[in-house]
Amino acid sequence: MKEVFVTHSINYLKRNNACSEKQEKIFKYTLESLYSFLTKTFVILCLSVFLHTFKVTLLTLILYSLLRGFTFGIHATKNIYCWIISLSVYILFPLIITYLDFPLIFMYISYVLGLIAILLWAPADTKARPLINAQKRKVNKLISMIIATIYIIFALFTNYYNFKEIITVTLLLNLICMCPITYYIFKLPYRNYRFYKKK
């Protein structure tokens, strides 16, 4: 189904002169990512309705996706792995948030670690998408810090306790995805823009 969607979309763009041969690879990657994101989101949200975690799941998805859009981070090497990880994370963590209370000290430590991780490692690229523009890396880091800080401020002053826990999970997941140790465990290259420059 994904191949059909991507192929038809690329052909449509070509027919309307919106996609050149040089741009085809970029468009294909973008369309594949979009298709995977939309299908996973749909399945996850449907499951969350049955598990009575829809509100927490939706908030987690939105907040994490927004932050990750600037911090980037590790990606699964195969689509099936991505499905397994996404379902595990977005089903398991909202259940934990809904039915368990995190200690306040644990959440506050997570907030601090989340900010430090962004300061040290954001944005973390992949081999498929090396972030070769130094200025863009600085901008992404700055925007990431601003977003995370806003999250934490809201978490500190909100009366909705689950929001504090959602921010905890969001920042910890983001930390894991950017951490060099995670890349090392999965035997994936880190800071790929350095290797790109050497070619």
N, C-alpha and C. Protein backbone atom coordinates (compact mmCIF):
# COMPACT_ATOMS: atom_id res chain seq x y z
N MET A 1 0.82 -1.20 0.00
CA MET A 1 0.00 0.00 0.00
C MET A 1 0.86 1.26 0.00
N LYS A 2 1.94 1.25 0.79
CA LYS A 2 2.83 2.41 0.85
C LYS A 2 3.46 2.68 -0.51
N GLU A 3 3.92 1.60 -1.18
CA GLU A 3 4.56 1.76 -2.48
C GLU A 3 3.61 2.36 -3.50
N VAL A 4 2.35 1.93 -3.44
CA VAL A 4 1.33 2.45 -4.36
C VAL A 4 1.13 3.95 -4.12
N PHE A 5 1.01 4.32 -2.84
CA PHE A 5 0.82 5.73 -2.49
C PHE A 5 1.99 6.59 -2.96
N VAL A 6 3.21 6.13 -2.69
CA VAL A 6 4.41 6.89 -3.05
C VAL A 6 4.55 6.99 -4.57
N THR A 7 4.37 5.88 -5.26
CA THR A 7 4.51 5.86 -6.72
C THR A 7 3.50 6.78 -7.40
N HIS A 8 2.24 6.69 -6.99
CA HIS A 8 1.20 7.54 -7.57
C HIS A 8 1.47 9.01 -7.28
N SER A 9 1.92 9.30 -6.07
CA SER A 9 2.20 10.69 -5.70
C SER A 9 3.36 11.26 -6.51
N ILE A 10 4.44 10.48 -6.67
CA ILE A 10 5.60 10.92 -7.45
C ILE A 10 5.20 11.14 -8.91
N ASN A 11 4.44 10.22 -9.46
CA ASN A 11 4.00 10.36 -10.86
C ASN A 11 3.14 11.60 -11.04
N TYR A 12 2.27 11.87 -10.06
CA TYR A 12 1.42 13.06 -10.12
C TYR A 12 2.27 14.33 -10.10
N LEU A 13 3.27 14.37 -9.22
CA LEU A 13 4.15 15.54 -9.12
C LEU A 13 4.94 15.75 -10.40
N LYS A 14 5.38 14.63 -11.00
CA LYS A 14 6.14 14.73 -12.25
C LYS A 14 5.27 15.26 -13.38
N ARG A 15 4.05 14.77 -13.45
CA ARG A 15 3.13 15.20 -14.52
C ARG A 15 2.85 16.70 -14.43
N ASN A 16 2.88 17.23 -13.21
CA ASN A 16 2.60 18.66 -12.99
C ASN A 16 3.87 19.49 -12.83
N ASN A 17 5.00 18.88 -13.25
CA ASN A 17 6.30 19.57 -13.22
C ASN A 17 6.66 20.12 -11.83
N ALA A 18 6.22 19.41 -10.79
CA ALA A 18 6.53 19.83 -9.42
C ALA A 18 7.69 19.03 -8.84
N CYS A 19 8.18 18.07 -9.61
CA CYS A 19 9.25 17.20 -9.12
C CYS A 19 10.19 16.84 -10.27
N SER A 20 11.44 17.24 -10.17
CA SER A 20 12.44 16.91 -11.18
C SER A 20 13.10 15.58 -10.84
N GLU A 21 13.91 15.08 -11.74
CA GLU A 21 14.62 13.82 -11.50
C GLU A 21 15.54 13.92 -10.28
N LYS A 22 16.17 15.09 -10.12
CA LYS A 22 17.08 15.30 -8.99
C LYS A 22 16.33 15.34 -7.66
N GLN A 23 15.10 15.82 -7.70
CA GLN A 23 14.31 15.95 -6.47
C GLN A 23 13.55 14.68 -6.11
N GLU A 24 13.50 13.74 -7.02
CA GLU A 24 12.66 12.54 -6.82
C GLU A 24 13.02 11.78 -5.54
N LYS A 25 14.29 11.63 -5.27
CA LYS A 25 14.74 10.89 -4.08
C LYS A 25 14.25 11.58 -2.80
N ILE A 26 14.35 12.91 -2.78
CA ILE A 26 13.92 13.68 -1.60
C ILE A 26 12.41 13.56 -1.40
N PHE A 27 11.65 13.70 -2.51
CA PHE A 27 10.20 13.59 -2.44
C PHE A 27 9.79 12.19 -1.99
N LYS A 28 10.48 11.18 -2.52
CA LYS A 28 10.15 9.80 -2.17
C LYS A 28 10.35 9.55 -0.68
N TYR A 29 11.48 10.02 -0.14
CA TYR A 29 11.77 9.86 1.29
C TYR A 29 10.71 10.57 2.13
N THR A 30 10.35 11.79 1.71
CA THR A 30 9.36 12.57 2.44
C THR A 30 7.99 11.90 2.43
N LEU A 31 7.58 11.41 1.27
CA LEU A 31 6.28 10.76 1.14
C LEU A 31 6.22 9.45 1.94
N GLU A 32 7.32 8.69 1.92
CA GLU A 32 7.38 7.46 2.70
C GLU A 32 7.26 7.76 4.19
N SER A 33 7.96 8.80 4.63
CA SER A 33 7.90 9.20 6.04
C SER A 33 6.50 9.67 6.42
N LEU A 34 5.89 10.44 5.54
CA LEU A 34 4.54 10.94 5.78
C LEU A 34 3.53 9.80 5.87
N TYR A 35 3.63 8.86 4.94
CA TYR A 35 2.72 7.72 4.93
C TYR A 35 2.87 6.90 6.22
N SER A 36 4.11 6.62 6.60
CA SER A 36 4.36 5.83 7.81
C SER A 36 3.83 6.55 9.05
N PHE A 37 4.08 7.87 9.11
CA PHE A 37 3.62 8.66 10.26
C PHE A 37 2.10 8.64 10.37
N LEU A 38 1.42 8.87 9.26
CA LEU A 38 -0.04 8.94 9.28
C LEU A 38 -0.68 7.59 9.61
N THR A 39 -0.16 6.51 9.02
CA THR A 39 -0.74 5.19 9.29
C THR A 39 -0.49 4.76 10.73
N LYS A 40 0.72 5.00 11.23
CA LYS A 40 1.03 4.64 12.62
C LYS A 40 0.19 5.46 13.59
N THR A 41 0.06 6.75 13.30
CA THR A 41 -0.74 7.63 14.16
C THR A 41 -2.19 7.16 14.21
N PHE A 42 -2.73 6.82 13.07
CA PHE A 42 -4.13 6.35 13.00
C PHE A 42 -4.32 5.08 13.84
N VAL A 43 -3.42 4.11 13.68
CA VAL A 43 -3.53 2.85 14.42
C VAL A 43 -3.37 3.08 15.92
N ILE A 44 -2.38 3.89 16.29
CA ILE A 44 -2.11 4.17 17.70
C ILE A 44 -3.30 4.85 18.36
N LEU A 45 -3.88 5.85 17.69
CA LEU A 45 -5.02 6.57 18.26
C LEU A 45 -6.25 5.67 18.36
N CYS A 46 -6.45 4.80 17.39
CA CYS A 46 -7.57 3.85 17.46
C CYS A 46 -7.42 2.92 18.66
N LEU A 47 -6.20 2.42 18.86
CA LEU A 47 -5.94 1.53 20.00
C LEU A 47 -6.11 2.28 21.32
N SER A 48 -5.72 3.54 21.34
CA SER A 48 -5.83 4.32 22.57
C SER A 48 -7.29 4.54 22.99
N VAL A 49 -8.18 4.59 22.01
CA VAL A 49 -9.61 4.73 22.32
C VAL A 49 -10.09 3.51 23.10
N PHE A 50 -9.69 2.32 22.64
CA PHE A 50 -10.08 1.09 23.32
C PHE A 50 -9.43 0.95 24.69
N LEU A 51 -8.23 1.52 24.84
CA LEU A 51 -7.51 1.42 26.12
C LEU A 51 -7.83 2.59 27.06
N HIS A 52 -8.69 3.50 26.61
CA HIS A 52 -9.11 4.67 27.41
C HIS A 52 -7.93 5.59 27.75
N THR A 53 -7.02 5.72 26.81
CA THR A 53 -5.86 6.62 27.02
C THR A 53 -5.76 7.65 25.89
N PHE A 54 -6.86 7.89 25.21
CA PHE A 54 -6.82 8.72 23.99
C PHE A 54 -6.22 10.10 24.26
N LYS A 55 -6.69 10.80 25.28
CA LYS A 55 -6.23 12.16 25.55
C LYS A 55 -4.74 12.20 25.85
N VAL A 56 -4.28 11.29 26.68
CA VAL A 56 -2.85 11.24 27.03
C VAL A 56 -2.01 10.86 25.82
N THR A 57 -2.49 9.88 25.05
CA THR A 57 -1.77 9.44 23.85
C THR A 57 -1.66 10.56 22.83
N LEU A 58 -2.76 11.26 22.59
CA LEU A 58 -2.77 12.35 21.62
C LEU A 58 -1.82 13.47 22.03
N LEU A 59 -1.85 13.84 23.30
CA LEU A 59 -0.95 14.89 23.80
C LEU A 59 0.52 14.47 23.68
N THR A 60 0.79 13.23 24.03
CA THR A 60 2.16 12.71 23.94
C THR A 60 2.64 12.73 22.50
N LEU A 61 1.80 12.29 21.59
CA LEU A 61 2.14 12.29 20.16
C LEU A 61 2.44 13.69 19.65
N ILE A 62 1.58 14.63 19.97
CA ILE A 62 1.73 16.01 19.49
C ILE A 62 2.99 16.65 20.05
N LEU A 63 3.16 16.56 21.37
CA LEU A 63 4.29 17.23 22.02
C LEU A 63 5.63 16.61 21.64
N TYR A 64 5.66 15.28 21.58
CA TYR A 64 6.91 14.61 21.22
C TYR A 64 7.26 14.86 19.75
N SER A 65 6.26 14.78 18.87
CA SER A 65 6.50 14.99 17.44
C SER A 65 7.01 16.40 17.17
N LEU A 66 6.43 17.38 17.87
CA LEU A 66 6.86 18.77 17.69
C LEU A 66 8.32 18.94 18.10
N LEU A 67 8.69 18.42 19.26
CA LEU A 67 10.06 18.55 19.74
C LEU A 67 11.03 17.78 18.84
N ARG A 68 10.66 16.58 18.48
CA ARG A 68 11.52 15.74 17.64
C ARG A 68 11.70 16.32 16.23
N GLY A 69 10.76 17.15 15.83
CA GLY A 69 10.88 17.81 14.53
C GLY A 69 12.09 18.73 14.45
N PHE A 70 12.64 19.11 15.60
CA PHE A 70 13.81 19.98 15.64
C PHE A 70 15.04 19.29 16.24
N THR A 71 14.82 18.32 17.12
CA THR A 71 15.97 17.62 17.71
C THR A 71 16.39 16.42 16.87
N PHE A 72 15.48 15.93 16.03
CA PHE A 72 15.72 14.74 15.21
C PHE A 72 16.07 13.55 16.10
N GLY A 73 17.06 12.75 15.72
CA GLY A 73 17.41 11.58 16.52
C GLY A 73 17.37 10.30 15.72
N ILE A 74 17.69 9.23 16.38
CA ILE A 74 17.82 7.92 15.74
C ILE A 74 16.50 7.46 15.12
N HIS A 75 16.61 6.75 14.01
CA HIS A 75 15.44 6.15 13.36
C HIS A 75 15.66 4.65 13.23
N ALA A 76 14.57 3.90 13.28
CA ALA A 76 14.65 2.45 13.09
C ALA A 76 15.13 2.17 11.68
N THR A 77 15.95 1.13 11.52
CA THR A 77 16.52 0.82 10.21
C THR A 77 15.52 0.10 9.29
N LYS A 78 14.47 -0.47 9.86
CA LYS A 78 13.45 -1.14 9.06
C LYS A 78 12.07 -0.68 9.52
N ASN A 79 11.12 -0.67 8.58
CA ASN A 79 9.78 -0.20 8.88
C ASN A 79 9.10 -1.04 9.97
N ILE A 80 9.34 -2.34 9.94
CA ILE A 80 8.72 -3.24 10.94
C ILE A 80 9.23 -2.90 12.34
N TYR A 81 10.52 -2.55 12.46
CA TYR A 81 11.08 -2.14 13.75
C TYR A 81 10.43 -0.85 14.22
N CYS A 82 10.21 0.05 13.28
CA CYS A 82 9.59 1.33 13.60
C CYS A 82 8.17 1.11 14.14
N TRP A 83 7.44 0.19 13.52
CA TRP A 83 6.09 -0.14 13.99
C TRP A 83 6.11 -0.70 15.40
N ILE A 84 7.03 -1.62 15.63
CA ILE A 84 7.12 -2.27 16.95
C ILE A 84 7.45 -1.24 18.03
N ILE A 85 8.44 -0.39 17.75
CA ILE A 85 8.85 0.63 18.72
C ILE A 85 7.73 1.64 18.97
N SER A 86 7.13 2.11 17.88
CA SER A 86 6.07 3.13 18.01
C SER A 86 4.88 2.60 18.79
N LEU A 87 4.44 1.38 18.47
CA LEU A 87 3.31 0.80 19.19
C LEU A 87 3.65 0.59 20.66
N SER A 88 4.86 0.12 20.92
CA SER A 88 5.29 -0.12 22.30
C SER A 88 5.32 1.18 23.10
N VAL A 89 5.93 2.20 22.51
CA VAL A 89 6.08 3.49 23.20
C VAL A 89 4.75 4.19 23.41
N TYR A 90 3.97 4.31 22.33
CA TYR A 90 2.75 5.12 22.41
C TYR A 90 1.54 4.39 22.98
N ILE A 91 1.69 3.10 23.21
CA ILE A 91 0.64 2.36 23.91
C ILE A 91 1.03 2.16 25.37
N LEU A 92 2.29 1.75 25.59
CA LEU A 92 2.75 1.45 26.95
C LEU A 92 2.85 2.69 27.83
N PHE A 93 3.50 3.75 27.33
CA PHE A 93 3.73 4.92 28.17
C PHE A 93 2.45 5.66 28.55
N PRO A 94 1.50 5.85 27.62
CA PRO A 94 0.23 6.46 28.05
C PRO A 94 -0.51 5.64 29.10
N LEU A 95 -0.39 4.32 29.03
CA LEU A 95 -0.99 3.47 30.06
C LEU A 95 -0.33 3.72 31.41
N ILE A 96 1.01 3.80 31.39
CA ILE A 96 1.76 4.07 32.63
C ILE A 96 1.38 5.44 33.19
N ILE A 97 1.33 6.45 32.31
CA ILE A 97 0.98 7.81 32.73
C ILE A 97 -0.42 7.86 33.33
N THR A 98 -1.34 7.13 32.72
CA THR A 98 -2.74 7.15 33.15
C THR A 98 -2.95 6.48 34.49
N TYR A 99 -2.25 5.37 34.72
CA TYR A 99 -2.56 4.56 35.90
C TYR A 99 -1.50 4.60 37.00
N LEU A 100 -0.36 5.24 36.74
CA LEU A 100 0.68 5.33 37.78
C LEU A 100 1.08 6.79 37.99
N ASP A 101 1.48 7.12 39.20
CA ASP A 101 1.94 8.47 39.51
C ASP A 101 3.46 8.49 39.59
N PHE A 102 4.07 9.43 38.87
CA PHE A 102 5.52 9.59 38.93
C PHE A 102 5.87 10.47 40.14
N PRO A 103 6.92 10.13 40.87
CA PRO A 103 7.37 11.02 41.96
C PRO A 103 7.80 12.37 41.38
N LEU A 104 7.49 13.43 42.08
CA LEU A 104 7.83 14.78 41.61
C LEU A 104 9.33 14.95 41.38
N ILE A 105 10.14 14.41 42.28
CA ILE A 105 11.59 14.55 42.16
C ILE A 105 12.09 13.89 40.87
N PHE A 106 11.49 12.75 40.51
CA PHE A 106 11.85 12.05 39.28
C PHE A 106 11.52 12.92 38.06
N MET A 107 10.36 13.57 38.08
CA MET A 107 9.97 14.42 36.96
C MET A 107 10.88 15.63 36.83
N TYR A 108 11.20 16.25 37.95
CA TYR A 108 12.06 17.43 37.91
C TYR A 108 13.46 17.09 37.40
N ILE A 109 13.98 15.96 37.82
CA ILE A 109 15.29 15.50 37.34
C ILE A 109 15.22 15.25 35.83
N SER A 110 14.12 14.67 35.38
CA SER A 110 13.93 14.38 33.96
C SER A 110 13.91 15.67 33.14
N TYR A 111 13.29 16.71 33.69
CA TYR A 111 13.25 17.99 32.99
C TYR A 111 14.66 18.55 32.79
N VAL A 112 15.45 18.50 33.86
CA VAL A 112 16.82 19.01 33.79
C VAL A 112 17.65 18.19 32.80
N LEU A 113 17.55 16.86 32.89
CA LEU A 113 18.31 15.99 31.99
C LEU A 113 17.87 16.19 30.53
N GLY A 114 16.58 16.42 30.34
CA GLY A 114 16.07 16.66 28.99
C GLY A 114 16.67 17.91 28.37
N LEU A 115 16.78 18.98 29.16
CA LEU A 115 17.38 20.22 28.67
C LEU A 115 18.87 20.05 28.39
N ILE A 116 19.56 19.35 29.29
CA ILE A 116 21.00 19.11 29.10
C ILE A 116 21.23 18.29 27.83
N ALA A 117 20.39 17.29 27.61
CA ALA A 117 20.52 16.44 26.42
C ALA A 117 20.38 17.26 25.14
N ILE A 118 19.42 18.18 25.13
CA ILE A 118 19.22 19.04 23.95
C ILE A 118 20.43 19.94 23.75
N LEU A 119 20.92 20.49 24.85
CA LEU A 119 22.09 21.37 24.79
C LEU A 119 23.31 20.64 24.24
N LEU A 120 23.49 19.38 24.62
CA LEU A 120 24.66 18.61 24.22
C LEU A 120 24.53 17.97 22.83
N TRP A 121 23.36 17.43 22.53
CA TRP A 121 23.26 16.55 21.36
C TRP A 121 22.32 17.00 20.25
N ALA A 122 21.45 17.94 20.50
CA ALA A 122 20.49 18.33 19.46
C ALA A 122 21.17 19.26 18.44
N PRO A 123 20.80 19.13 17.17
CA PRO A 123 19.99 18.05 16.61
C PRO A 123 20.88 16.84 16.26
N ALA A 124 20.33 15.65 16.46
CA ALA A 124 21.06 14.42 16.17
C ALA A 124 20.58 13.86 14.84
N ASP A 125 21.47 13.76 13.87
CA ASP A 125 21.06 13.35 12.53
C ASP A 125 21.18 11.84 12.30
N THR A 126 20.89 11.42 11.10
CA THR A 126 21.01 10.01 10.71
C THR A 126 21.83 9.94 9.43
N LYS A 127 22.25 8.74 9.08
CA LYS A 127 23.04 8.54 7.87
C LYS A 127 22.25 8.93 6.63
N ALA A 128 20.93 8.66 6.66
CA ALA A 128 20.08 8.99 5.51
C ALA A 128 19.86 10.49 5.38
N ARG A 129 19.89 11.20 6.51
CA ARG A 129 19.65 12.64 6.50
C ARG A 129 20.71 13.38 7.33
N PRO A 130 21.93 13.48 6.82
CA PRO A 130 22.97 14.21 7.56
C PRO A 130 22.67 15.71 7.57
N LEU A 131 22.81 16.32 8.74
CA LEU A 131 22.50 17.75 8.87
C LEU A 131 23.77 18.55 8.59
N ILE A 132 24.02 18.80 7.30
CA ILE A 132 25.31 19.36 6.88
C ILE A 132 25.42 20.87 7.07
N ASN A 133 24.28 21.55 7.22
CA ASN A 133 24.30 23.01 7.37
C ASN A 133 24.48 23.39 8.84
N ALA A 134 25.64 23.96 9.16
CA ALA A 134 25.97 24.31 10.56
C ALA A 134 24.99 25.34 11.13
N GLN A 135 24.58 26.30 10.32
CA GLN A 135 23.65 27.32 10.78
C GLN A 135 22.30 26.71 11.14
N LYS A 136 21.83 25.79 10.32
CA LYS A 136 20.55 25.13 10.59
C LYS A 136 20.62 24.30 11.86
N ARG A 137 21.78 23.69 12.10
CA ARG A 137 21.95 22.91 13.34
C ARG A 137 21.82 23.82 14.56
N LYS A 138 22.41 25.00 14.48
CA LYS A 138 22.33 25.96 15.60
C LYS A 138 20.89 26.43 15.81
N VAL A 139 20.21 26.70 14.70
CA VAL A 139 18.81 27.16 14.77
C VAL A 139 17.93 26.08 15.37
N ASN A 140 18.13 24.84 14.93
CA ASN A 140 17.34 23.72 15.47
C ASN A 140 17.58 23.53 16.96
N LYS A 141 18.82 23.68 17.37
CA LYS A 141 19.14 23.55 18.80
C LYS A 141 18.42 24.63 19.61
N LEU A 142 18.48 25.87 19.10
CA LEU A 142 17.85 26.99 19.79
C LEU A 142 16.33 26.78 19.89
N ILE A 143 15.71 26.41 18.78
CA ILE A 143 14.25 26.19 18.78
C ILE A 143 13.90 25.03 19.71
N SER A 144 14.71 23.99 19.71
CA SER A 144 14.47 22.84 20.59
C SER A 144 14.51 23.25 22.05
N MET A 145 15.49 24.07 22.40
CA MET A 145 15.61 24.55 23.78
C MET A 145 14.40 25.39 24.17
N ILE A 146 13.94 26.23 23.26
CA ILE A 146 12.78 27.08 23.53
C ILE A 146 11.53 26.23 23.75
N ILE A 147 11.31 25.24 22.86
CA ILE A 147 10.14 24.36 22.97
C ILE A 147 10.17 23.59 24.29
N ALA A 148 11.32 22.99 24.59
CA ALA A 148 11.44 22.20 25.82
C ALA A 148 11.23 23.07 27.06
N THR A 149 11.76 24.29 27.03
CA THR A 149 11.59 25.21 28.16
C THR A 149 10.12 25.58 28.35
N ILE A 150 9.43 25.84 27.25
CA ILE A 150 8.00 26.14 27.32
C ILE A 150 7.23 24.95 27.90
N TYR A 151 7.56 23.75 27.44
CA TYR A 151 6.93 22.54 27.98
C TYR A 151 7.09 22.49 29.50
N ILE A 152 8.32 22.70 29.95
CA ILE A 152 8.62 22.58 31.38
C ILE A 152 7.90 23.65 32.19
N ILE A 153 7.86 24.87 31.68
CA ILE A 153 7.15 25.96 32.38
C ILE A 153 5.68 25.61 32.55
N PHE A 154 5.06 25.13 31.46
CA PHE A 154 3.66 24.72 31.53
C PHE A 154 3.48 23.58 32.53
N ALA A 155 4.41 22.63 32.49
CA ALA A 155 4.33 21.47 33.39
C ALA A 155 4.42 21.89 34.85
N LEU A 156 5.28 22.87 35.13
CA LEU A 156 5.47 23.32 36.52
C LEU A 156 4.26 24.05 37.07
N PHE A 157 3.52 24.72 36.20
CA PHE A 157 2.43 25.56 36.69
C PHE A 157 1.03 25.02 36.39
N THR A 158 0.93 23.92 35.67
CA THR A 158 -0.38 23.36 35.37
C THR A 158 -0.93 22.55 36.54
N ASN A 159 -2.24 22.51 36.63
CA ASN A 159 -2.89 21.69 37.66
C ASN A 159 -3.22 20.29 37.14
N TYR A 160 -3.00 20.09 35.83
CA TYR A 160 -3.26 18.79 35.22
C TYR A 160 -2.03 17.91 35.42
N TYR A 161 -2.11 17.01 36.40
CA TYR A 161 -0.92 16.24 36.80
C TYR A 161 -0.37 15.40 35.66
N ASN A 162 -1.26 14.83 34.84
CA ASN A 162 -0.80 13.99 33.74
C ASN A 162 0.09 14.76 32.77
N PHE A 163 -0.11 16.07 32.66
CA PHE A 163 0.73 16.86 31.76
C PHE A 163 2.18 16.85 32.22
N LYS A 164 2.40 16.91 33.52
CA LYS A 164 3.76 16.83 34.06
C LYS A 164 4.41 15.51 33.64
N GLU A 165 3.64 14.43 33.70
CA GLU A 165 4.17 13.12 33.35
C GLU A 165 4.38 12.97 31.85
N ILE A 166 3.49 13.58 31.08
CA ILE A 166 3.65 13.56 29.62
C ILE A 166 4.94 14.26 29.22
N ILE A 167 5.22 15.39 29.84
CA ILE A 167 6.47 16.12 29.54
C ILE A 167 7.67 15.31 29.99
N THR A 168 7.55 14.62 31.11
CA THR A 168 8.64 13.74 31.58
C THR A 168 8.96 12.69 30.53
N VAL A 169 7.94 12.00 30.05
CA VAL A 169 8.12 10.95 29.04
C VAL A 169 8.65 11.54 27.74
N THR A 170 8.10 12.67 27.33
CA THR A 170 8.53 13.33 26.09
C THR A 170 10.01 13.66 26.11
N LEU A 171 10.48 14.25 27.21
CA LEU A 171 11.88 14.64 27.31
C LEU A 171 12.80 13.43 27.43
N LEU A 172 12.36 12.40 28.15
CA LEU A 172 13.18 11.19 28.29
C LEU A 172 13.29 10.43 26.97
N LEU A 173 12.18 10.33 26.24
CA LEU A 173 12.22 9.68 24.93
C LEU A 173 13.13 10.44 23.98
N ASN A 174 13.02 11.74 24.03
CA ASN A 174 13.86 12.59 23.19
C ASN A 174 15.34 12.41 23.53
N LEU A 175 15.64 12.34 24.83
CA LEU A 175 17.01 12.11 25.29
C LEU A 175 17.55 10.80 24.75
N ILE A 176 16.76 9.74 24.86
CA ILE A 176 17.19 8.41 24.40
C ILE A 176 17.46 8.42 22.90
N CYS A 177 16.59 9.07 22.13
CA CYS A 177 16.73 9.08 20.67
C CYS A 177 17.92 9.90 20.19
N MET A 178 18.37 10.87 20.99
CA MET A 178 19.53 11.70 20.61
C MET A 178 20.84 11.18 21.16
N CYS A 179 20.78 10.37 22.19
CA CYS A 179 21.97 9.97 22.93
C CYS A 179 22.96 9.16 22.05
N PRO A 180 24.24 9.51 22.07
CA PRO A 180 25.25 8.75 21.31
C PRO A 180 25.30 7.27 21.69
N ILE A 181 24.99 6.96 22.95
CA ILE A 181 25.02 5.57 23.41
C ILE A 181 23.96 4.75 22.67
N THR A 182 22.80 5.36 22.42
CA THR A 182 21.73 4.67 21.68
C THR A 182 22.20 4.33 20.27
N TYR A 183 22.87 5.29 19.63
CA TYR A 183 23.42 5.05 18.29
C TYR A 183 24.44 3.91 18.34
N TYR A 184 25.27 3.93 19.38
CA TYR A 184 26.32 2.90 19.52
C TYR A 184 25.70 1.51 19.72
N ILE A 185 24.67 1.43 20.55
CA ILE A 185 24.02 0.14 20.82
C ILE A 185 23.46 -0.46 19.54
N PHE A 186 22.87 0.38 18.68
CA PHE A 186 22.27 -0.11 17.45
C PHE A 186 23.24 -0.07 16.26
N LYS A 187 24.52 0.20 16.57
CA LYS A 187 25.59 0.19 15.58
C LYS A 187 25.31 1.13 14.41
N LEU A 188 24.88 2.34 14.74
CA LEU A 188 24.59 3.34 13.73
C LEU A 188 25.55 4.52 13.90
N PRO A 189 25.98 5.13 12.80
CA PRO A 189 26.92 6.26 12.89
C PRO A 189 26.27 7.48 13.52
N TYR A 190 27.07 8.24 14.24
CA TYR A 190 26.58 9.43 14.96
C TYR A 190 27.21 10.68 14.37
N ARG A 191 26.51 11.80 14.41
CA ARG A 191 26.95 13.07 13.81
C ARG A 191 27.42 12.84 12.38
N ASN A 192 26.51 12.40 11.57
CA ASN A 192 26.82 11.98 10.20
C ASN A 192 27.27 13.12 9.29
N TYR A 193 26.97 14.34 9.65
CA TYR A 193 27.40 15.47 8.82
C TYR A 193 28.92 15.55 8.72
N ARG A 194 29.63 15.03 9.72
CA ARG A 194 31.10 15.05 9.67
C ARG A 194 31.62 14.14 8.56
N PHE A 195 30.99 12.98 8.41
CA PHE A 195 31.41 12.03 7.39
C PHE A 195 31.02 12.55 6.00
N TYR A 196 29.90 13.25 5.93
CA TYR A 196 29.43 13.80 4.67
C TYR A 196 30.44 14.80 4.14
N LYS A 197 31.00 15.61 5.00
CA LYS A 197 31.95 16.63 4.60
C LYS A 197 33.26 16.05 4.08
N LYS A 198 33.59 14.86 4.56
CA LYS A 198 34.85 14.24 4.18
C LYS A 198 34.80 13.62 2.79
N LYS A 199 33.59 13.45 2.23
CA LYS A 199 33.47 12.81 0.92
C LYS A 199 33.93 13.74 -0.18
